Every structure is written in structure tokens, then in C-alpha cells.
N, C-alpha and C. Protein backbone atom coordinates (compact mmCIF):
# COMPACT_ATOMS: atom_id res chain seq x y z
N MET A 1 -6.35 -9.38 -26.20
CA MET A 1 -6.78 -8.16 -26.86
C MET A 1 -8.09 -8.45 -27.56
N GLY A 2 -9.05 -7.64 -27.25
CA GLY A 2 -10.38 -7.87 -27.78
C GLY A 2 -10.60 -7.18 -29.11
N PHE A 3 -11.75 -7.44 -29.65
CA PHE A 3 -12.14 -6.89 -30.94
C PHE A 3 -12.16 -5.36 -30.89
N TRP A 4 -12.74 -4.78 -29.83
CA TRP A 4 -12.85 -3.33 -29.73
C TRP A 4 -11.47 -2.68 -29.50
N ASP A 5 -10.59 -3.38 -28.84
CA ASP A 5 -9.23 -2.86 -28.68
C ASP A 5 -8.53 -2.73 -30.03
N THR A 6 -8.76 -3.72 -30.88
CA THR A 6 -8.16 -3.70 -32.22
C THR A 6 -8.73 -2.53 -33.02
N ILE A 7 -10.03 -2.36 -32.98
CA ILE A 7 -10.69 -1.25 -33.70
C ILE A 7 -10.17 0.08 -33.17
N THR A 8 -10.06 0.22 -31.86
CA THR A 8 -9.58 1.45 -31.25
C THR A 8 -8.15 1.75 -31.68
N ASP A 9 -7.31 0.72 -31.73
CA ASP A 9 -5.93 0.92 -32.17
C ASP A 9 -5.88 1.40 -33.61
N PHE A 10 -6.72 0.83 -34.49
CA PHE A 10 -6.75 1.27 -35.88
C PHE A 10 -7.22 2.72 -35.99
N VAL A 11 -8.22 3.10 -35.23
CA VAL A 11 -8.73 4.47 -35.27
C VAL A 11 -7.67 5.44 -34.76
N GLU A 12 -6.98 5.08 -33.69
CA GLU A 12 -5.95 5.96 -33.16
C GLU A 12 -4.78 6.11 -34.13
N ALA A 13 -4.46 5.05 -34.86
CA ALA A 13 -3.37 5.12 -35.82
C ALA A 13 -3.75 5.93 -37.04
N ALA A 14 -5.04 5.94 -37.40
CA ALA A 14 -5.48 6.62 -38.62
C ALA A 14 -5.83 8.09 -38.40
N THR A 15 -6.05 8.50 -37.17
CA THR A 15 -6.45 9.89 -36.93
C THR A 15 -5.25 10.82 -37.05
N PRO A 16 -5.41 11.92 -37.78
CA PRO A 16 -4.30 12.85 -37.98
C PRO A 16 -4.02 13.72 -36.76
N TRP A 17 -4.91 13.75 -35.80
CA TRP A 17 -4.71 14.63 -34.65
C TRP A 17 -4.02 13.92 -33.49
N ASN A 18 -3.43 12.77 -33.77
CA ASN A 18 -2.64 12.11 -32.75
C ASN A 18 -1.43 12.97 -32.40
N THR A 19 -1.02 12.93 -31.18
CA THR A 19 0.14 13.70 -30.77
C THR A 19 1.34 12.78 -30.59
N ALA A 20 2.45 13.24 -31.06
CA ALA A 20 3.69 12.49 -30.88
C ALA A 20 4.41 13.06 -29.67
N GLU A 21 4.88 12.20 -28.81
CA GLU A 21 5.56 12.66 -27.61
C GLU A 21 7.03 12.27 -27.70
N ALA A 22 7.87 13.24 -27.55
CA ALA A 22 9.30 12.99 -27.59
C ALA A 22 9.78 12.65 -26.19
N GLU A 23 10.93 11.99 -26.13
CA GLU A 23 11.51 11.68 -24.84
C GLU A 23 12.06 12.95 -24.21
N ALA A 24 11.97 13.04 -22.93
CA ALA A 24 12.49 14.20 -22.23
C ALA A 24 14.01 14.13 -22.20
N PRO A 25 14.70 15.28 -22.38
CA PRO A 25 16.16 15.26 -22.31
C PRO A 25 16.62 14.95 -20.90
N PRO A 26 17.77 14.33 -20.77
CA PRO A 26 18.26 14.01 -19.42
C PRO A 26 18.56 15.29 -18.65
N PRO A 27 18.28 15.30 -17.36
CA PRO A 27 18.54 16.51 -16.58
C PRO A 27 20.04 16.77 -16.48
N GLU A 28 20.40 18.05 -16.58
CA GLU A 28 21.81 18.42 -16.52
C GLU A 28 22.24 18.48 -15.06
N GLU A 29 23.44 17.99 -14.82
CA GLU A 29 23.96 18.02 -13.46
C GLU A 29 24.59 19.37 -13.19
N LYS A 30 24.27 19.95 -12.06
CA LYS A 30 24.86 21.24 -11.68
C LYS A 30 26.00 20.98 -10.71
N GLU A 31 27.14 21.55 -11.00
CA GLU A 31 28.29 21.37 -10.14
C GLU A 31 28.33 22.50 -9.11
N SER A 32 28.77 22.17 -7.93
CA SER A 32 28.89 23.21 -6.92
C SER A 32 30.14 24.02 -7.19
N THR A 33 30.23 25.20 -6.58
CA THR A 33 31.38 26.07 -6.81
C THR A 33 32.66 25.46 -6.26
N GLU A 34 32.56 24.66 -5.20
CA GLU A 34 33.75 24.03 -4.65
C GLU A 34 34.35 23.04 -5.64
N GLU A 35 33.52 22.29 -6.31
CA GLU A 35 34.01 21.32 -7.27
C GLU A 35 34.64 22.01 -8.47
N SER A 36 34.05 23.10 -8.91
CA SER A 36 34.59 23.80 -10.07
C SER A 36 35.93 24.46 -9.77
N ASN A 37 36.16 24.85 -8.53
CA ASN A 37 37.44 25.45 -8.16
C ASN A 37 38.56 24.41 -8.15
N ASP A 38 38.24 23.17 -7.87
CA ASP A 38 39.24 22.12 -7.81
C ASP A 38 39.60 21.58 -9.20
N GLU A 39 38.81 21.85 -10.22
CA GLU A 39 38.98 21.20 -11.50
C GLU A 39 39.55 22.06 -12.62
N PRO A 40 40.04 23.27 -12.44
CA PRO A 40 40.56 24.02 -13.58
C PRO A 40 41.72 23.32 -14.26
N GLU A 41 42.52 22.59 -13.51
CA GLU A 41 43.64 21.89 -14.12
C GLU A 41 43.15 20.81 -15.06
N ALA A 42 42.07 20.13 -14.70
CA ALA A 42 41.53 19.07 -15.55
C ALA A 42 40.94 19.68 -16.83
N ASP A 43 40.36 20.88 -16.73
CA ASP A 43 39.79 21.53 -17.91
C ASP A 43 40.87 21.85 -18.94
N ASP A 44 42.05 22.27 -18.47
CA ASP A 44 43.13 22.58 -19.41
C ASP A 44 43.53 21.35 -20.20
N GLY A 45 43.53 20.21 -19.57
CA GLY A 45 43.86 18.97 -20.27
C GLY A 45 42.81 18.63 -21.30
N ASP A 46 41.55 18.91 -20.98
CA ASP A 46 40.48 18.63 -21.93
C ASP A 46 40.62 19.51 -23.17
N GLU A 47 41.00 20.78 -22.97
CA GLU A 47 41.16 21.68 -24.10
C GLU A 47 42.28 21.21 -25.02
N GLU A 48 43.36 20.71 -24.42
CA GLU A 48 44.47 20.21 -25.23
C GLU A 48 44.04 19.00 -26.02
N GLU A 49 43.23 18.14 -25.42
CA GLU A 49 42.74 16.96 -26.13
C GLU A 49 41.83 17.38 -27.27
N ASP A 50 40.99 18.41 -27.05
CA ASP A 50 40.11 18.89 -28.11
C ASP A 50 40.92 19.44 -29.27
N GLU A 51 41.99 20.16 -28.97
CA GLU A 51 42.83 20.71 -30.04
C GLU A 51 43.50 19.59 -30.82
N GLU A 52 43.93 18.54 -30.14
CA GLU A 52 44.54 17.41 -30.83
C GLU A 52 43.54 16.71 -31.73
N GLU A 53 42.30 16.60 -31.27
CA GLU A 53 41.27 15.98 -32.08
C GLU A 53 41.00 16.82 -33.33
N ASP A 54 41.01 18.14 -33.18
CA ASP A 54 40.79 19.01 -34.33
C ASP A 54 41.91 18.85 -35.35
N GLU A 55 43.12 18.68 -34.87
CA GLU A 55 44.26 18.53 -35.78
C GLU A 55 44.21 17.22 -36.52
N ASP A 56 43.61 16.19 -35.93
CA ASP A 56 43.57 14.88 -36.54
C ASP A 56 42.50 14.76 -37.61
N GLU A 57 41.59 15.73 -37.69
CA GLU A 57 40.52 15.66 -38.67
C GLU A 57 41.09 15.74 -40.08
N VAL A 58 40.56 14.91 -40.96
CA VAL A 58 41.01 14.88 -42.34
C VAL A 58 40.27 15.96 -43.12
N VAL A 59 41.01 16.73 -43.88
CA VAL A 59 40.43 17.79 -44.70
C VAL A 59 40.10 17.20 -46.06
N ASP A 60 38.91 17.48 -46.54
CA ASP A 60 38.47 16.97 -47.82
C ASP A 60 39.20 17.70 -48.94
N PRO A 61 40.01 16.99 -49.74
CA PRO A 61 40.74 17.67 -50.80
C PRO A 61 39.83 18.16 -51.93
N LYS A 62 38.65 17.58 -52.05
CA LYS A 62 37.72 17.99 -53.11
C LYS A 62 37.33 19.45 -52.97
N GLU A 63 37.04 19.87 -51.76
CA GLU A 63 36.62 21.26 -51.55
C GLU A 63 37.74 22.23 -51.92
N LYS A 64 38.95 21.90 -51.53
CA LYS A 64 40.09 22.76 -51.83
C LYS A 64 40.31 22.83 -53.34
N LEU A 65 40.27 21.68 -54.01
CA LEU A 65 40.49 21.64 -55.46
C LEU A 65 39.38 22.39 -56.20
N GLU A 66 38.14 22.24 -55.76
CA GLU A 66 37.05 22.95 -56.43
C GLU A 66 37.17 24.45 -56.24
N GLU A 67 37.61 24.88 -55.07
CA GLU A 67 37.81 26.31 -54.82
C GLU A 67 38.89 26.86 -55.75
N GLU A 68 39.99 26.11 -55.87
CA GLU A 68 41.08 26.54 -56.76
C GLU A 68 40.61 26.58 -58.21
N CYS A 69 39.83 25.57 -58.61
CA CYS A 69 39.36 25.53 -59.99
C CYS A 69 38.34 26.64 -60.27
N ALA A 70 37.50 26.95 -59.30
CA ALA A 70 36.51 28.02 -59.49
C ALA A 70 37.18 29.35 -59.72
N ASN A 71 38.36 29.54 -59.13
CA ASN A 71 39.10 30.79 -59.30
C ASN A 71 40.12 30.72 -60.43
N SER A 72 40.19 29.60 -61.13
CA SER A 72 41.18 29.43 -62.19
C SER A 72 40.72 30.06 -63.50
N LYS A 73 41.62 30.09 -64.46
CA LYS A 73 41.33 30.68 -65.77
C LYS A 73 40.28 29.85 -66.51
N GLN A 74 40.27 28.54 -66.26
CA GLN A 74 39.34 27.65 -66.94
C GLN A 74 37.88 27.99 -66.62
N CYS A 75 37.61 28.36 -65.40
CA CYS A 75 36.24 28.67 -64.98
C CYS A 75 35.98 30.17 -64.87
N ALA A 76 36.88 30.98 -65.38
CA ALA A 76 36.73 32.43 -65.27
C ALA A 76 35.43 32.95 -65.90
N PRO A 77 35.03 32.47 -67.11
CA PRO A 77 33.78 32.98 -67.67
C PRO A 77 32.55 32.67 -66.79
N ALA A 78 32.49 31.45 -66.28
CA ALA A 78 31.35 31.08 -65.44
C ALA A 78 31.35 31.88 -64.15
N LYS A 79 32.52 32.09 -63.57
CA LYS A 79 32.62 32.88 -62.34
C LYS A 79 32.23 34.33 -62.60
N HIS A 80 32.65 34.87 -63.77
CA HIS A 80 32.32 36.25 -64.12
C HIS A 80 30.81 36.41 -64.24
N HIS A 81 30.14 35.47 -64.93
CA HIS A 81 28.68 35.56 -65.07
C HIS A 81 27.99 35.44 -63.70
N TYR A 82 28.48 34.56 -62.86
CA TYR A 82 27.90 34.40 -61.53
C TYR A 82 28.08 35.67 -60.70
N ASP A 83 29.27 36.23 -60.72
CA ASP A 83 29.53 37.45 -59.95
C ASP A 83 28.67 38.62 -60.43
N GLU A 84 28.51 38.75 -61.76
CA GLU A 84 27.64 39.81 -62.29
C GLU A 84 26.20 39.61 -61.85
N CYS A 85 25.75 38.38 -61.86
CA CYS A 85 24.37 38.09 -61.45
C CYS A 85 24.18 38.43 -59.97
N VAL A 86 25.14 38.07 -59.15
CA VAL A 86 25.05 38.37 -57.72
C VAL A 86 24.99 39.87 -57.51
N GLU A 87 25.78 40.63 -58.25
CA GLU A 87 25.75 42.09 -58.13
C GLU A 87 24.40 42.65 -58.54
N ARG A 88 23.82 42.12 -59.63
CA ARG A 88 22.50 42.58 -60.08
C ARG A 88 21.43 42.30 -59.03
N VAL A 89 21.45 41.08 -58.50
CA VAL A 89 20.41 40.69 -57.54
C VAL A 89 20.57 41.45 -56.23
N THR A 90 21.79 41.61 -55.74
CA THR A 90 21.97 42.36 -54.49
C THR A 90 21.71 43.84 -54.71
N GLY A 91 21.98 44.35 -55.91
CA GLY A 91 21.69 45.75 -56.21
C GLY A 91 20.20 46.00 -56.27
N ALA A 92 19.43 45.01 -56.67
CA ALA A 92 17.98 45.15 -56.75
C ALA A 92 17.32 44.68 -55.47
N ALA A 93 18.07 44.56 -54.40
CA ALA A 93 17.53 44.07 -53.13
C ALA A 93 16.51 45.03 -52.55
N ASP A 94 16.60 46.31 -52.91
CA ASP A 94 15.64 47.28 -52.40
C ASP A 94 14.24 46.96 -52.91
N GLY A 95 14.15 46.61 -54.17
CA GLY A 95 12.87 46.23 -54.75
C GLY A 95 12.73 44.72 -54.71
N GLU A 96 11.75 44.24 -55.43
CA GLU A 96 11.53 42.80 -55.48
C GLU A 96 12.45 42.20 -56.53
N ALA A 97 13.21 41.20 -56.15
CA ALA A 97 14.15 40.56 -57.08
C ALA A 97 13.37 39.69 -58.07
N ASN A 98 13.60 39.94 -59.36
CA ASN A 98 12.90 39.18 -60.39
C ASN A 98 13.69 37.97 -60.85
N GLU A 99 14.91 37.83 -60.37
CA GLU A 99 15.72 36.71 -60.79
C GLU A 99 16.56 36.20 -59.61
N ASP A 100 17.08 35.00 -59.81
CA ASP A 100 18.05 34.47 -58.87
C ASP A 100 19.23 33.96 -59.69
N CYS A 101 20.27 33.58 -59.03
CA CYS A 101 21.50 33.20 -59.73
C CYS A 101 21.74 31.69 -59.69
N VAL A 102 20.67 30.92 -59.62
CA VAL A 102 20.81 29.47 -59.51
C VAL A 102 21.47 28.89 -60.75
N GLU A 103 21.04 29.32 -61.92
CA GLU A 103 21.60 28.77 -63.15
C GLU A 103 23.09 29.09 -63.26
N GLU A 104 23.46 30.32 -62.98
CA GLU A 104 24.87 30.71 -63.04
C GLU A 104 25.70 29.96 -62.00
N PHE A 105 25.10 29.77 -60.81
CA PHE A 105 25.80 29.03 -59.76
C PHE A 105 26.05 27.59 -60.20
N PHE A 106 25.06 26.95 -60.79
CA PHE A 106 25.24 25.56 -61.23
C PHE A 106 26.27 25.46 -62.34
N HIS A 107 26.32 26.45 -63.23
CA HIS A 107 27.36 26.44 -64.27
C HIS A 107 28.75 26.55 -63.64
N LEU A 108 28.89 27.41 -62.66
CA LEU A 108 30.18 27.57 -61.99
C LEU A 108 30.58 26.29 -61.25
N VAL A 109 29.65 25.70 -60.53
CA VAL A 109 29.94 24.48 -59.78
C VAL A 109 30.27 23.33 -60.74
N HIS A 110 29.56 23.25 -61.84
CA HIS A 110 29.83 22.20 -62.83
C HIS A 110 31.24 22.35 -63.39
N CYS A 111 31.61 23.57 -63.71
CA CYS A 111 32.94 23.82 -64.24
C CYS A 111 34.00 23.47 -63.21
N ALA A 112 33.80 23.88 -61.98
CA ALA A 112 34.78 23.59 -60.92
C ALA A 112 34.89 22.10 -60.67
N THR A 113 33.78 21.39 -60.71
CA THR A 113 33.80 19.95 -60.49
C THR A 113 34.51 19.23 -61.63
N GLN A 114 34.23 19.64 -62.86
CA GLN A 114 34.88 19.01 -64.02
C GLN A 114 36.38 19.27 -63.99
N CYS A 115 36.79 20.43 -63.54
CA CYS A 115 38.21 20.78 -63.47
C CYS A 115 38.89 19.99 -62.36
N ALA A 116 38.22 19.83 -61.21
CA ALA A 116 38.83 19.22 -60.03
C ALA A 116 38.84 17.70 -60.08
N ALA A 117 37.95 17.09 -60.86
CA ALA A 117 37.82 15.63 -60.85
C ALA A 117 39.11 14.89 -61.19
N PRO A 118 39.81 15.22 -62.29
CA PRO A 118 41.04 14.47 -62.58
C PRO A 118 42.12 14.67 -61.51
N LYS A 119 42.20 15.87 -60.97
CA LYS A 119 43.19 16.15 -59.93
C LYS A 119 42.86 15.37 -58.66
N LEU A 120 41.58 15.27 -58.35
CA LEU A 120 41.15 14.56 -57.16
C LEU A 120 41.47 13.07 -57.27
N TRP A 121 41.18 12.48 -58.43
CA TRP A 121 41.45 11.05 -58.61
C TRP A 121 42.94 10.76 -58.52
N SER A 122 43.76 11.68 -59.00
CA SER A 122 45.20 11.44 -58.92
C SER A 122 45.68 11.50 -57.47
N GLN A 123 45.03 12.33 -56.63
CA GLN A 123 45.40 12.42 -55.22
C GLN A 123 44.90 11.21 -54.43
N LEU A 124 43.78 10.63 -54.85
CA LEU A 124 43.20 9.52 -54.11
C LEU A 124 43.90 8.20 -54.40
N LYS A 125 44.58 8.11 -55.52
CA LYS A 125 45.23 6.84 -55.88
C LYS A 125 46.41 6.55 -55.04
């Protein structure tokens, strides 16, 4: 590699108009109609396997506990403020909205998380 090759490589690396090229996706195989007629029985087995895989997935207990806590009496004030804010903002959707409900949402999520944390730890032990 010569001196000019090195300089050229540095210039190419530093220029912002370089183009990035992605790899081409693999071509999809097309099945003939004869093959698809012979395989419906195999497809049914695949669907059953997919259903079994879905059943084996672990559900995150945190989401369930936070949902329950958000609707509980403990977080009722935060949920009430959030719901009122959502009604105000959606009611003003015709005009330009001057506010968003981020602060109220964070208060509700904080309350739900604080409520769900001890319950979650007891389930994980």
C-alpha cells in the first residue's frame, strides 16, 4: 500500500458524502402449486408447534402488578389527574394543544411502580 493509497483512504473515510451499502436480502424461494398442495398437512403441524411456543412464553409479572396498582385505591389520585389531562388534551385536539400529559403520566407510573415493587420481589423470591 502506497502513500497515496493511505491518503485516499483517509479522505474517503472523512468525507460525509460516502455511501453506505447494505447487504442484499436473500432471494425468497417460490414454491410451485404442486408442492403446496402436498404440504397442507405439514402446515397444520407447524401451527400447533407455534401455539405451543406461544404457551411456553413467560409473562412478566411486573406489567400485571403495575396495571393492578395503577387501578388501585393507592394510585387513584394520580390516575384521576392523568385521566383529566388526557380528556383536556384530546378535547383540545381541534386546536393546537398547549400541554401534554407527560408529568401526570410519570406520576402515575411512579405510583404504580412503588406499589408493585414489594409485591414483585415477593413473587420473585
